Amino acid sequence: MTQAAPAVPAWRVAGNWFDVCKCNVPCPCSFAQAPTTGDCEGILVWHIREGNYGDVGLDGLNMVMLSSFVGNIWGEHSDSYAALIFDERADDGQRQALQMIFSGQAGSWPAQLVSMAAFEVRGMDFAPIEVEIDEDLATWRASVPGRVEARAEALTGPTTPDGARVQSTNLPGCETGPGQLATWGRATTDRADAFGFAWNRTGQSSKTITFDWSGPD
């Protein structure tokens, strides 16, 4: 007899996401266009400010994904690969909740993204993840010691007022789903060496975007 999958409880996670990638500023993927060089690879980071999965609290936990693909991730693409690193501070219940949400099994926006991107998962692990996102969004960074280092600073220029941020709403290819606010930046560090992903560059695109998901619908 096949055992029924556990019911998904009501859940919500809200926080900040960011990436650093190989595309020029601004990354065309966020505008539902093909990457600058026809393929993209990068580091994606989620910081949950507040969240719960049923009665399991998720406040303060982090997740990192390494990814690569060829073509337009929102349209025709191929060779899409990913690896997932979850916050080692999570206990057993939190680990199960994070995996359910970010795998798309708990519904909401992650389920839609997983369906569209169709990433082949190269590996998964739990490790220490350090994330810092300035309240004024001047800089953001994440680190998985010995594996991942991502740092960026807010984009600015000669006509940007002091302290102002370059931001977008209603992006055609918003990585965290509809209705979110994106702040553009430039990567100062983009380094990965894990699960067969390996690169070291600087000066390319970065952005931080809010996320607010709830499910299981």
N, C-alpha and C. Protein backbone atom coordinates (compact mmCIF):
# COMPACT_ATOMS: atom_id res chain seq x y z
N MET A 1 0.84 -1.19 0.00
CA MET A 1 0.00 0.00 0.00
C MET A 1 0.88 1.25 0.00
N THR A 2 0.60 2.20 -0.87
CA THR A 2 1.39 3.42 -0.95
C THR A 2 1.02 4.36 0.19
N GLN A 3 2.06 4.86 0.89
CA GLN A 3 1.82 5.77 2.00
C GLN A 3 1.51 7.17 1.48
N ALA A 4 0.46 7.78 2.00
CA ALA A 4 0.07 9.12 1.56
C ALA A 4 1.10 10.15 2.01
N ALA A 5 1.34 11.14 1.15
CA ALA A 5 2.26 12.21 1.50
C ALA A 5 1.65 13.04 2.62
N PRO A 6 2.49 13.57 3.53
CA PRO A 6 1.95 14.37 4.63
C PRO A 6 1.25 15.62 4.10
N ALA A 7 0.17 16.00 4.76
CA ALA A 7 -0.57 17.20 4.36
C ALA A 7 0.30 18.43 4.57
N VAL A 8 0.19 19.38 3.66
CA VAL A 8 0.95 20.62 3.78
C VAL A 8 0.16 21.60 4.62
N PRO A 9 0.72 22.09 5.72
CA PRO A 9 0.00 23.04 6.56
C PRO A 9 0.02 24.44 5.95
N ALA A 10 -0.76 25.34 6.52
CA ALA A 10 -0.68 26.74 6.12
C ALA A 10 0.71 27.26 6.48
N TRP A 11 1.31 28.01 5.56
CA TRP A 11 2.66 28.50 5.79
C TRP A 11 2.85 29.86 5.13
N ARG A 12 3.86 30.58 5.58
CA ARG A 12 4.23 31.87 4.98
C ARG A 12 5.70 32.14 5.28
N VAL A 13 6.41 32.65 4.29
CA VAL A 13 7.77 33.15 4.50
C VAL A 13 7.90 34.50 3.78
N ALA A 14 8.56 35.45 4.44
CA ALA A 14 8.77 36.78 3.87
C ALA A 14 10.19 37.21 4.21
N GLY A 15 10.83 37.90 3.27
CA GLY A 15 12.19 38.34 3.52
C GLY A 15 12.81 38.99 2.31
N ASN A 16 14.13 38.78 2.19
CA ASN A 16 14.89 39.39 1.10
C ASN A 16 15.68 38.32 0.36
N TRP A 17 15.65 38.42 -0.94
CA TRP A 17 16.41 37.54 -1.84
C TRP A 17 17.43 38.40 -2.57
N PHE A 18 18.58 37.83 -2.92
CA PHE A 18 19.48 38.53 -3.84
C PHE A 18 20.28 37.53 -4.65
N ASP A 19 20.84 38.03 -5.73
CA ASP A 19 21.73 37.19 -6.53
C ASP A 19 22.95 37.98 -6.97
N VAL A 20 23.97 37.26 -7.40
CA VAL A 20 25.09 37.79 -8.17
C VAL A 20 25.26 36.84 -9.33
N CYS A 21 25.46 37.37 -10.54
CA CYS A 21 25.52 36.48 -11.69
C CYS A 21 26.50 37.01 -12.74
N LYS A 22 26.64 36.30 -13.85
CA LYS A 22 27.62 36.65 -14.86
C LYS A 22 27.10 37.67 -15.87
N CYS A 23 25.82 38.04 -15.80
CA CYS A 23 25.26 38.99 -16.76
C CYS A 23 25.74 40.41 -16.51
N ASN A 24 25.67 41.24 -17.56
CA ASN A 24 25.92 42.66 -17.41
C ASN A 24 24.79 43.29 -16.60
N VAL A 25 25.07 44.48 -16.03
CA VAL A 25 24.04 45.24 -15.31
C VAL A 25 23.16 45.98 -16.31
N PRO A 26 21.82 45.88 -16.23
CA PRO A 26 21.06 45.01 -15.34
C PRO A 26 20.85 43.65 -15.98
N CYS A 27 20.76 42.63 -15.16
CA CYS A 27 20.60 41.27 -15.67
C CYS A 27 19.33 41.15 -16.53
N PRO A 28 19.47 40.75 -17.80
CA PRO A 28 18.29 40.64 -18.67
C PRO A 28 17.27 39.61 -18.21
N CYS A 29 17.72 38.62 -17.41
CA CYS A 29 16.80 37.58 -16.96
C CYS A 29 15.62 38.17 -16.20
N SER A 30 15.87 39.25 -15.44
CA SER A 30 14.80 39.88 -14.67
C SER A 30 13.78 40.58 -15.56
N PHE A 31 14.16 40.79 -16.82
CA PHE A 31 13.25 41.40 -17.79
C PHE A 31 12.71 40.37 -18.77
N ALA A 32 12.84 39.08 -18.38
CA ALA A 32 12.35 37.96 -19.19
C ALA A 32 13.02 37.90 -20.55
N GLN A 33 14.31 38.28 -20.59
CA GLN A 33 15.11 38.22 -21.81
C GLN A 33 16.23 37.19 -21.65
N ALA A 34 16.85 36.82 -22.75
CA ALA A 34 17.97 35.89 -22.69
C ALA A 34 19.16 36.55 -21.99
N PRO A 35 19.99 35.78 -21.31
CA PRO A 35 21.15 36.34 -20.62
C PRO A 35 22.10 37.07 -21.56
N THR A 36 22.96 37.89 -20.99
CA THR A 36 23.88 38.73 -21.76
C THR A 36 24.70 37.91 -22.75
N THR A 37 25.25 36.77 -22.29
CA THR A 37 26.12 35.95 -23.14
C THR A 37 25.41 34.69 -23.64
N GLY A 38 24.08 34.62 -23.46
CA GLY A 38 23.33 33.45 -23.90
C GLY A 38 23.17 32.39 -22.84
N ASP A 39 23.98 32.47 -21.79
CA ASP A 39 23.84 31.56 -20.66
C ASP A 39 24.07 32.37 -19.39
N CYS A 40 23.59 31.84 -18.26
CA CYS A 40 23.75 32.54 -17.00
C CYS A 40 24.14 31.55 -15.92
N GLU A 41 24.94 31.99 -14.99
CA GLU A 41 25.26 31.20 -13.81
C GLU A 41 25.45 32.17 -12.66
N GLY A 42 25.08 31.75 -11.47
CA GLY A 42 25.21 32.67 -10.36
C GLY A 42 24.83 32.05 -9.03
N ILE A 43 24.85 32.92 -8.02
CA ILE A 43 24.53 32.57 -6.65
C ILE A 43 23.22 33.26 -6.28
N LEU A 44 22.29 32.51 -5.71
CA LEU A 44 21.01 33.05 -5.28
C LEU A 44 20.87 32.82 -3.79
N VAL A 45 20.42 33.85 -3.08
CA VAL A 45 20.38 33.80 -1.60
C VAL A 45 19.00 34.25 -1.12
N TRP A 46 18.43 33.49 -0.17
CA TRP A 46 17.17 33.86 0.48
C TRP A 46 17.42 34.04 1.97
N HIS A 47 16.98 35.15 2.53
CA HIS A 47 17.00 35.37 3.97
C HIS A 47 15.55 35.54 4.44
N ILE A 48 15.10 34.63 5.29
CA ILE A 48 13.73 34.68 5.80
C ILE A 48 13.70 35.58 7.03
N ARG A 49 13.09 36.76 6.90
CA ARG A 49 12.94 37.65 8.05
C ARG A 49 11.92 37.06 9.03
N GLU A 50 10.81 36.62 8.50
CA GLU A 50 9.78 36.01 9.34
C GLU A 50 9.09 34.91 8.54
N GLY A 51 8.78 33.83 9.23
CA GLY A 51 8.12 32.75 8.52
C GLY A 51 7.71 31.62 9.44
N ASN A 52 6.77 30.84 8.95
CA ASN A 52 6.34 29.65 9.68
C ASN A 52 5.80 28.63 8.68
N TYR A 53 5.91 27.39 9.06
CA TYR A 53 5.36 26.27 8.30
C TYR A 53 4.49 25.51 9.28
N GLY A 54 3.20 25.81 9.28
CA GLY A 54 2.37 25.31 10.36
C GLY A 54 2.83 25.94 11.67
N ASP A 55 3.14 25.10 12.65
CA ASP A 55 3.63 25.62 13.93
C ASP A 55 5.15 25.62 14.02
N VAL A 56 5.83 25.42 12.90
CA VAL A 56 7.30 25.43 12.86
C VAL A 56 7.78 26.83 12.47
N GLY A 57 8.49 27.51 13.37
CA GLY A 57 9.00 28.85 13.08
C GLY A 57 10.22 28.80 12.18
N LEU A 58 10.33 29.77 11.26
CA LEU A 58 11.43 29.80 10.30
C LEU A 58 12.17 31.14 10.32
N ASP A 59 11.88 32.00 11.29
CA ASP A 59 12.49 33.33 11.34
C ASP A 59 14.02 33.23 11.34
N GLY A 60 14.66 34.05 10.47
CA GLY A 60 16.10 34.19 10.48
C GLY A 60 16.88 33.15 9.71
N LEU A 61 16.22 32.16 9.14
CA LEU A 61 16.94 31.11 8.43
C LEU A 61 17.27 31.53 6.99
N ASN A 62 18.28 30.88 6.42
CA ASN A 62 18.80 31.24 5.10
C ASN A 62 18.86 30.02 4.18
N MET A 63 18.90 30.32 2.88
CA MET A 63 19.10 29.28 1.87
C MET A 63 19.89 29.86 0.71
N VAL A 64 20.81 29.07 0.16
CA VAL A 64 21.64 29.47 -0.98
C VAL A 64 21.47 28.46 -2.10
N MET A 65 21.38 28.96 -3.32
CA MET A 65 21.34 28.09 -4.49
C MET A 65 22.40 28.51 -5.49
N LEU A 66 23.12 27.56 -6.03
CA LEU A 66 24.01 27.77 -7.17
C LEU A 66 23.26 27.28 -8.40
N SER A 67 23.32 28.05 -9.48
CA SER A 67 22.56 27.63 -10.65
C SER A 67 23.26 28.02 -11.94
N SER A 68 22.90 27.32 -13.00
CA SER A 68 23.36 27.67 -14.35
C SER A 68 22.33 27.18 -15.35
N PHE A 69 22.23 27.89 -16.47
CA PHE A 69 21.31 27.48 -17.54
C PHE A 69 21.71 28.17 -18.83
N VAL A 70 21.20 27.65 -19.93
CA VAL A 70 21.44 28.22 -21.26
C VAL A 70 20.09 28.64 -21.83
N GLY A 71 20.03 29.87 -22.39
CA GLY A 71 18.78 30.36 -22.96
C GLY A 71 18.00 31.22 -21.99
N ASN A 72 16.74 31.44 -22.32
CA ASN A 72 15.87 32.28 -21.49
C ASN A 72 15.17 31.42 -20.45
N ILE A 73 15.46 31.66 -19.18
CA ILE A 73 14.91 30.82 -18.12
C ILE A 73 13.39 30.88 -18.08
N TRP A 74 12.80 31.97 -18.61
CA TRP A 74 11.35 32.12 -18.64
C TRP A 74 10.73 31.56 -19.92
N GLY A 75 11.58 31.10 -20.82
CA GLY A 75 11.10 30.56 -22.09
C GLY A 75 11.88 29.32 -22.45
N GLU A 76 12.39 29.29 -23.67
CA GLU A 76 13.15 28.12 -24.11
C GLU A 76 14.54 28.14 -23.51
N HIS A 77 14.88 27.09 -22.76
CA HIS A 77 16.20 27.00 -22.15
C HIS A 77 16.59 25.54 -22.00
N SER A 78 17.86 25.32 -21.70
CA SER A 78 18.37 23.96 -21.57
C SER A 78 19.52 23.96 -20.56
N ASP A 79 20.02 22.76 -20.29
CA ASP A 79 21.18 22.59 -19.41
C ASP A 79 21.02 23.38 -18.11
N SER A 80 19.85 23.28 -17.49
CA SER A 80 19.60 24.00 -16.24
C SER A 80 19.94 23.10 -15.05
N TYR A 81 20.90 23.56 -14.26
CA TYR A 81 21.40 22.80 -13.11
C TYR A 81 21.36 23.67 -11.87
N ALA A 82 21.24 23.03 -10.72
CA ALA A 82 21.23 23.77 -9.46
C ALA A 82 21.78 22.89 -8.34
N ALA A 83 22.24 23.54 -7.28
CA ALA A 83 22.61 22.88 -6.03
C ALA A 83 22.09 23.74 -4.90
N LEU A 84 21.64 23.10 -3.83
CA LEU A 84 20.98 23.80 -2.73
C LEU A 84 21.77 23.63 -1.44
N ILE A 85 21.94 24.74 -0.73
CA ILE A 85 22.59 24.71 0.58
C ILE A 85 21.64 25.36 1.57
N PHE A 86 21.23 24.59 2.57
CA PHE A 86 20.30 25.07 3.58
C PHE A 86 21.04 25.41 4.87
N ASP A 87 20.45 26.27 5.66
CA ASP A 87 21.01 26.75 6.91
C ASP A 87 21.17 25.59 7.91
N GLU A 88 22.40 25.34 8.34
CA GLU A 88 22.64 24.23 9.26
C GLU A 88 22.04 24.47 10.64
N ARG A 89 21.66 25.71 10.96
CA ARG A 89 21.04 26.00 12.26
C ARG A 89 19.64 25.42 12.37
N ALA A 90 19.03 25.08 11.24
CA ALA A 90 17.67 24.55 11.24
C ALA A 90 17.61 23.19 11.94
N ASP A 91 16.60 23.00 12.80
CA ASP A 91 16.41 21.69 13.40
C ASP A 91 15.67 20.78 12.42
N ASP A 92 15.36 19.56 12.83
CA ASP A 92 14.78 18.59 11.91
C ASP A 92 13.47 19.09 11.29
N GLY A 93 12.59 19.66 12.12
CA GLY A 93 11.32 20.17 11.62
C GLY A 93 11.50 21.32 10.65
N GLN A 94 12.44 22.20 10.95
CA GLN A 94 12.71 23.34 10.08
C GLN A 94 13.36 22.88 8.77
N ARG A 95 14.21 21.89 8.84
CA ARG A 95 14.84 21.37 7.63
C ARG A 95 13.80 20.77 6.69
N GLN A 96 12.88 20.03 7.25
CA GLN A 96 11.83 19.46 6.41
C GLN A 96 10.98 20.57 5.79
N ALA A 97 10.66 21.59 6.58
CA ALA A 97 9.85 22.71 6.09
C ALA A 97 10.56 23.45 4.96
N LEU A 98 11.83 23.75 5.15
CA LEU A 98 12.59 24.47 4.11
C LEU A 98 12.63 23.66 2.82
N GLN A 99 12.87 22.36 2.94
CA GLN A 99 12.94 21.53 1.73
C GLN A 99 11.58 21.46 1.04
N MET A 100 10.51 21.38 1.79
CA MET A 100 9.18 21.36 1.19
C MET A 100 8.88 22.66 0.45
N ILE A 101 9.22 23.79 1.06
CA ILE A 101 8.93 25.09 0.45
C ILE A 101 9.78 25.32 -0.79
N PHE A 102 11.09 25.17 -0.64
CA PHE A 102 11.97 25.55 -1.75
C PHE A 102 12.02 24.51 -2.87
N SER A 103 11.56 23.31 -2.62
CA SER A 103 11.44 22.32 -3.69
C SER A 103 10.16 22.51 -4.49
N GLY A 104 9.26 23.36 -3.98
CA GLY A 104 7.98 23.58 -4.64
C GLY A 104 6.88 22.65 -4.19
N GLN A 105 7.18 21.69 -3.32
CA GLN A 105 6.18 20.71 -2.90
C GLN A 105 5.09 21.32 -2.02
N ALA A 106 5.37 22.51 -1.44
CA ALA A 106 4.39 23.16 -0.58
C ALA A 106 3.57 24.20 -1.32
N GLY A 107 3.72 24.28 -2.64
CA GLY A 107 2.91 25.19 -3.45
C GLY A 107 3.44 26.61 -3.49
N SER A 108 2.58 27.54 -3.89
CA SER A 108 2.86 28.97 -4.01
C SER A 108 3.91 29.23 -5.10
N TRP A 109 4.56 30.41 -5.05
CA TRP A 109 5.50 30.81 -6.10
C TRP A 109 6.63 29.81 -6.32
N PRO A 110 7.25 29.23 -5.27
CA PRO A 110 8.32 28.27 -5.54
C PRO A 110 7.89 27.12 -6.45
N ALA A 111 6.65 26.66 -6.32
CA ALA A 111 6.17 25.57 -7.17
C ALA A 111 6.13 26.01 -8.63
N GLN A 112 5.69 27.25 -8.87
CA GLN A 112 5.66 27.77 -10.24
C GLN A 112 7.06 27.90 -10.81
N LEU A 113 7.98 28.42 -10.00
CA LEU A 113 9.35 28.62 -10.46
C LEU A 113 10.03 27.29 -10.77
N VAL A 114 9.86 26.32 -9.88
CA VAL A 114 10.45 25.00 -10.11
C VAL A 114 9.93 24.38 -11.40
N SER A 115 8.63 24.55 -11.65
CA SER A 115 8.03 23.99 -12.86
C SER A 115 8.60 24.65 -14.12
N MET A 116 8.78 25.97 -14.08
CA MET A 116 9.30 26.68 -15.25
C MET A 116 10.79 26.44 -15.47
N ALA A 117 11.56 26.47 -14.39
CA ALA A 117 13.01 26.38 -14.53
C ALA A 117 13.49 24.97 -14.80
N ALA A 118 12.82 23.98 -14.22
CA ALA A 118 13.15 22.56 -14.43
C ALA A 118 14.63 22.27 -14.19
N PHE A 119 15.15 22.75 -13.06
CA PHE A 119 16.56 22.53 -12.73
C PHE A 119 16.82 21.07 -12.37
N GLU A 120 17.91 20.53 -12.88
CA GLU A 120 18.42 19.25 -12.40
C GLU A 120 19.29 19.53 -11.19
N VAL A 121 18.96 18.94 -10.05
CA VAL A 121 19.65 19.23 -8.80
C VAL A 121 20.92 18.38 -8.72
N ARG A 122 22.07 19.07 -8.64
CA ARG A 122 23.36 18.39 -8.58
C ARG A 122 23.73 17.96 -7.17
N GLY A 123 23.14 18.60 -6.18
CA GLY A 123 23.47 18.25 -4.80
C GLY A 123 22.73 19.13 -3.82
N MET A 124 22.75 18.69 -2.57
CA MET A 124 22.10 19.43 -1.50
C MET A 124 22.86 19.19 -0.22
N ASP A 125 22.94 20.23 0.63
CA ASP A 125 23.68 20.09 1.87
C ASP A 125 23.14 21.09 2.89
N PHE A 126 23.50 20.88 4.15
CA PHE A 126 23.26 21.85 5.21
C PHE A 126 24.62 22.35 5.67
N ALA A 127 24.77 23.66 5.79
CA ALA A 127 26.06 24.27 6.11
C ALA A 127 25.83 25.62 6.77
N PRO A 128 26.85 26.16 7.42
CA PRO A 128 26.72 27.52 7.98
C PRO A 128 26.60 28.54 6.85
N ILE A 129 25.60 29.41 6.96
CA ILE A 129 25.37 30.46 5.96
C ILE A 129 25.30 31.80 6.68
N GLU A 130 26.16 32.71 6.30
CA GLU A 130 26.13 34.07 6.85
C GLU A 130 25.51 35.00 5.82
N VAL A 131 24.51 35.76 6.23
CA VAL A 131 23.85 36.72 5.34
C VAL A 131 23.75 38.07 6.04
N GLU A 132 24.12 39.13 5.32
CA GLU A 132 23.96 40.49 5.82
C GLU A 132 23.37 41.35 4.71
N ILE A 133 22.27 42.02 5.02
CA ILE A 133 21.62 42.93 4.07
C ILE A 133 21.37 44.23 4.81
N ASP A 134 22.03 45.29 4.38
CA ASP A 134 21.87 46.57 5.05
C ASP A 134 20.41 47.02 5.03
N GLU A 135 19.98 47.64 6.12
CA GLU A 135 18.61 48.13 6.18
C GLU A 135 18.34 49.15 5.09
N ASP A 136 19.36 49.97 4.75
CA ASP A 136 19.18 50.96 3.69
C ASP A 136 19.53 50.41 2.31
N LEU A 137 19.81 49.09 2.24
CA LEU A 137 20.12 48.39 0.98
C LEU A 137 21.34 48.96 0.27
N ALA A 138 22.29 49.48 1.04
CA ALA A 138 23.54 49.96 0.44
C ALA A 138 24.42 48.81 -0.02
N THR A 139 24.44 47.73 0.76
CA THR A 139 25.22 46.54 0.41
C THR A 139 24.47 45.30 0.87
N TRP A 140 24.85 44.18 0.28
CA TRP A 140 24.33 42.88 0.72
C TRP A 140 25.40 41.83 0.46
N ARG A 141 25.42 40.81 1.30
CA ARG A 141 26.47 39.79 1.18
C ARG A 141 25.98 38.46 1.76
N ALA A 142 26.62 37.38 1.30
CA ALA A 142 26.38 36.05 1.85
C ALA A 142 27.65 35.23 1.73
N SER A 143 27.82 34.31 2.67
CA SER A 143 29.01 33.47 2.66
C SER A 143 28.68 32.07 3.18
N VAL A 144 29.17 31.07 2.47
CA VAL A 144 29.21 29.70 2.96
C VAL A 144 30.69 29.34 2.98
N PRO A 145 31.32 29.30 4.14
CA PRO A 145 32.77 29.18 4.22
C PRO A 145 33.35 28.07 3.34
N GLY A 146 34.34 28.47 2.53
CA GLY A 146 35.04 27.53 1.66
C GLY A 146 34.29 27.16 0.39
N ARG A 147 33.05 27.67 0.23
CA ARG A 147 32.25 27.27 -0.92
C ARG A 147 31.69 28.45 -1.71
N VAL A 148 31.14 29.41 -1.00
CA VAL A 148 30.41 30.49 -1.67
C VAL A 148 30.74 31.83 -1.01
N GLU A 149 30.96 32.85 -1.84
CA GLU A 149 31.12 34.22 -1.35
C GLU A 149 30.44 35.15 -2.35
N ALA A 150 29.46 35.89 -1.87
CA ALA A 150 28.71 36.81 -2.73
C ALA A 150 28.58 38.15 -2.02
N ARG A 151 29.04 39.21 -2.68
CA ARG A 151 28.94 40.56 -2.13
C ARG A 151 28.54 41.51 -3.25
N ALA A 152 27.73 42.51 -2.89
CA ALA A 152 27.32 43.51 -3.88
C ALA A 152 27.06 44.83 -3.20
N GLU A 153 27.11 45.88 -4.00
CA GLU A 153 26.78 47.21 -3.50
C GLU A 153 25.72 47.81 -4.41
N ALA A 154 24.90 48.67 -3.84
CA ALA A 154 23.81 49.28 -4.58
C ALA A 154 24.34 50.07 -5.77
N LEU A 155 23.64 49.96 -6.88
CA LEU A 155 24.02 50.69 -8.09
C LEU A 155 23.80 52.19 -7.88
N THR A 156 24.75 52.96 -8.36
CA THR A 156 24.63 54.41 -8.28
C THR A 156 25.31 55.03 -9.49
N GLY A 157 25.19 56.34 -9.64
CA GLY A 157 25.78 57.02 -10.78
C GLY A 157 25.69 58.52 -10.61
N PRO A 158 26.15 59.25 -11.60
CA PRO A 158 26.25 60.71 -11.45
C PRO A 158 24.93 61.42 -11.25
N THR A 159 23.81 60.81 -11.63
CA THR A 159 22.52 61.49 -11.44
C THR A 159 21.66 60.83 -10.37
N THR A 160 22.24 59.86 -9.64
CA THR A 160 21.50 59.23 -8.55
C THR A 160 21.66 60.06 -7.28
N PRO A 161 20.57 60.53 -6.67
CA PRO A 161 20.69 61.30 -5.42
C PRO A 161 21.40 60.50 -4.33
N ASP A 162 22.12 61.18 -3.47
CA ASP A 162 22.83 60.51 -2.37
C ASP A 162 21.85 59.68 -1.55
N GLY A 163 22.19 58.42 -1.34
CA GLY A 163 21.38 57.54 -0.51
C GLY A 163 20.17 56.95 -1.21
N ALA A 164 19.91 57.37 -2.45
CA ALA A 164 18.77 56.83 -3.20
C ALA A 164 19.14 55.49 -3.81
N ARG A 165 18.13 54.68 -4.10
CA ARG A 165 18.36 53.37 -4.67
C ARG A 165 17.71 53.28 -6.05
N VAL A 166 18.38 52.55 -6.95
CA VAL A 166 17.83 52.30 -8.28
C VAL A 166 16.92 51.09 -8.15
N GLN A 167 15.62 51.29 -8.35
CA GLN A 167 14.66 50.24 -8.06
C GLN A 167 13.68 50.03 -9.21
N SER A 168 13.09 48.83 -9.23
CA SER A 168 12.12 48.46 -10.26
C SER A 168 10.92 47.77 -9.63
N THR A 169 9.74 48.03 -10.20
CA THR A 169 8.54 47.29 -9.83
C THR A 169 7.98 46.64 -11.09
N ASN A 170 7.18 45.63 -10.88
CA ASN A 170 6.52 44.93 -11.99
C ASN A 170 7.50 44.40 -13.03
N LEU A 171 8.63 43.85 -12.55
CA LEU A 171 9.59 43.25 -13.48
C LEU A 171 8.93 42.11 -14.26
N PRO A 172 9.20 42.00 -15.57
CA PRO A 172 8.61 40.93 -16.37
C PRO A 172 9.10 39.54 -15.98
N GLY A 173 10.29 39.47 -15.38
CA GLY A 173 10.86 38.18 -14.97
C GLY A 173 11.36 38.25 -13.55
N CYS A 174 10.50 38.65 -12.64
CA CYS A 174 10.90 38.81 -11.24
C CYS A 174 11.12 37.44 -10.60
N GLU A 175 12.34 37.20 -10.15
CA GLU A 175 12.71 35.89 -9.64
C GLU A 175 11.95 35.48 -8.38
N THR A 176 11.40 36.44 -7.64
CA THR A 176 10.67 36.10 -6.42
C THR A 176 9.16 36.21 -6.58
N GLY A 177 8.71 36.41 -7.81
CA GLY A 177 7.28 36.41 -8.08
C GLY A 177 6.70 37.80 -8.24
N PRO A 178 5.42 37.89 -8.60
CA PRO A 178 4.77 39.17 -8.88
C PRO A 178 4.68 40.06 -7.64
N GLY A 179 4.67 41.38 -7.90
CA GLY A 179 4.38 42.34 -6.85
C GLY A 179 5.51 42.66 -5.91
N GLN A 180 6.74 42.35 -6.29
CA GLN A 180 7.89 42.57 -5.41
C GLN A 180 8.75 43.73 -5.90
N LEU A 181 9.53 44.30 -4.98
CA LEU A 181 10.37 45.46 -5.26
C LEU A 181 11.83 45.03 -5.42
N ALA A 182 12.44 45.40 -6.55
CA ALA A 182 13.83 45.06 -6.83
C ALA A 182 14.73 46.28 -6.68
N THR A 183 15.89 46.08 -6.07
CA THR A 183 16.90 47.12 -5.93
C THR A 183 18.16 46.64 -6.65
N TRP A 184 18.65 47.46 -7.58
CA TRP A 184 19.76 47.03 -8.44
C TRP A 184 21.11 47.34 -7.83
N GLY A 185 22.07 46.44 -8.10
CA GLY A 185 23.41 46.61 -7.60
C GLY A 185 24.44 46.06 -8.56
N ARG A 186 25.67 46.08 -8.10
CA ARG A 186 26.79 45.52 -8.87
C ARG A 186 27.59 44.62 -7.92
N ALA A 187 27.95 43.44 -8.41
CA ALA A 187 28.68 42.48 -7.58
C ALA A 187 30.11 42.93 -7.36
N THR A 188 30.55 42.88 -6.11
CA THR A 188 31.96 43.13 -5.80
C THR A 188 32.71 41.82 -5.58
N THR A 189 31.96 40.76 -5.28
CA THR A 189 32.53 39.40 -5.18
C THR A 189 31.47 38.41 -5.66
N ASP A 190 31.88 37.48 -6.49
CA ASP A 190 30.99 36.41 -6.97
C ASP A 190 31.87 35.19 -7.15
N ARG A 191 31.92 34.38 -6.10
CA ARG A 191 32.85 33.25 -6.10
C ARG A 191 32.14 32.00 -5.60
N ALA A 192 32.31 30.90 -6.35
CA ALA A 192 31.69 29.62 -5.98
C ALA A 192 32.65 28.47 -6.27
N ASP A 193 32.63 27.48 -5.41
CA ASP A 193 33.40 26.25 -5.61
C ASP A 193 32.69 25.14 -4.83
N ALA A 194 31.65 24.58 -5.45
CA ALA A 194 30.85 23.55 -4.78
C ALA A 194 30.00 22.81 -5.79
N PHE A 195 29.84 21.50 -5.59
CA PHE A 195 28.95 20.67 -6.40
C PHE A 195 29.25 20.78 -7.91
N GLY A 196 30.50 21.02 -8.27
CA GLY A 196 30.86 21.14 -9.68
C GLY A 196 30.70 22.54 -10.25
N PHE A 197 30.14 23.46 -9.49
CA PHE A 197 30.06 24.85 -9.91
C PHE A 197 31.34 25.56 -9.46
N ALA A 198 31.98 26.28 -10.38
CA ALA A 198 33.23 26.95 -10.02
C ALA A 198 33.40 28.21 -10.87
N TRP A 199 33.50 29.35 -10.22
CA TRP A 199 33.79 30.61 -10.90
C TRP A 199 34.30 31.63 -9.88
N ASN A 200 34.90 32.68 -10.38
CA ASN A 200 35.41 33.77 -9.54
C ASN A 200 35.44 35.03 -10.39
N ARG A 201 34.56 35.98 -10.14
CA ARG A 201 34.48 37.18 -10.97
C ARG A 201 33.98 38.35 -10.11
N THR A 202 33.96 39.51 -10.72
CA THR A 202 33.47 40.70 -10.04
C THR A 202 32.94 41.68 -11.07
N GLY A 203 32.13 42.62 -10.61
CA GLY A 203 31.69 43.72 -11.46
C GLY A 203 30.44 43.48 -12.27
N GLN A 204 29.83 42.30 -12.15
CA GLN A 204 28.65 42.00 -12.95
C GLN A 204 27.37 42.27 -12.16
N SER A 205 26.24 41.81 -12.68
CA SER A 205 24.94 42.19 -12.15
C SER A 205 24.64 41.60 -10.77
N SER A 206 23.88 42.36 -10.01
CA SER A 206 23.30 41.89 -8.76
C SER A 206 22.02 42.67 -8.53
N LYS A 207 21.11 42.06 -7.80
CA LYS A 207 19.92 42.78 -7.36
C LYS A 207 19.38 42.08 -6.12
N THR A 208 18.72 42.85 -5.27
CA THR A 208 18.04 42.28 -4.12
C THR A 208 16.55 42.57 -4.27
N ILE A 209 15.74 41.56 -4.03
CA ILE A 209 14.29 41.66 -4.25
C ILE A 209 13.58 41.09 -3.02
N THR A 210 12.52 41.75 -2.60
CA THR A 210 11.71 41.22 -1.51
C THR A 210 11.00 39.95 -1.97
N PHE A 211 10.59 39.12 -1.01
CA PHE A 211 9.68 38.00 -1.32
C PHE A 211 8.69 37.86 -0.17
N ASP A 212 7.50 37.40 -0.52
CA ASP A 212 6.44 37.18 0.47
C ASP A 212 5.51 36.11 -0.11
N TRP A 213 5.72 34.88 0.35
CA TRP A 213 4.98 33.73 -0.19
C TRP A 213 4.13 33.10 0.90
N SER A 214 3.02 32.54 0.52
CA SER A 214 2.20 31.78 1.46
C SER A 214 1.54 30.63 0.72
N GLY A 215 1.25 29.58 1.44
CA GLY A 215 0.68 28.40 0.81
C GLY A 215 -0.20 27.64 1.78
N PRO A 216 -0.66 26.46 1.34
CA PRO A 216 -0.16 25.72 0.17
C PRO A 216 -0.75 26.10 -1.18
N ASP A 217 -1.73 26.98 -1.28
CA ASP A 217 -2.32 27.32 -2.58
C ASP A 217 -1.30 28.00 -3.49
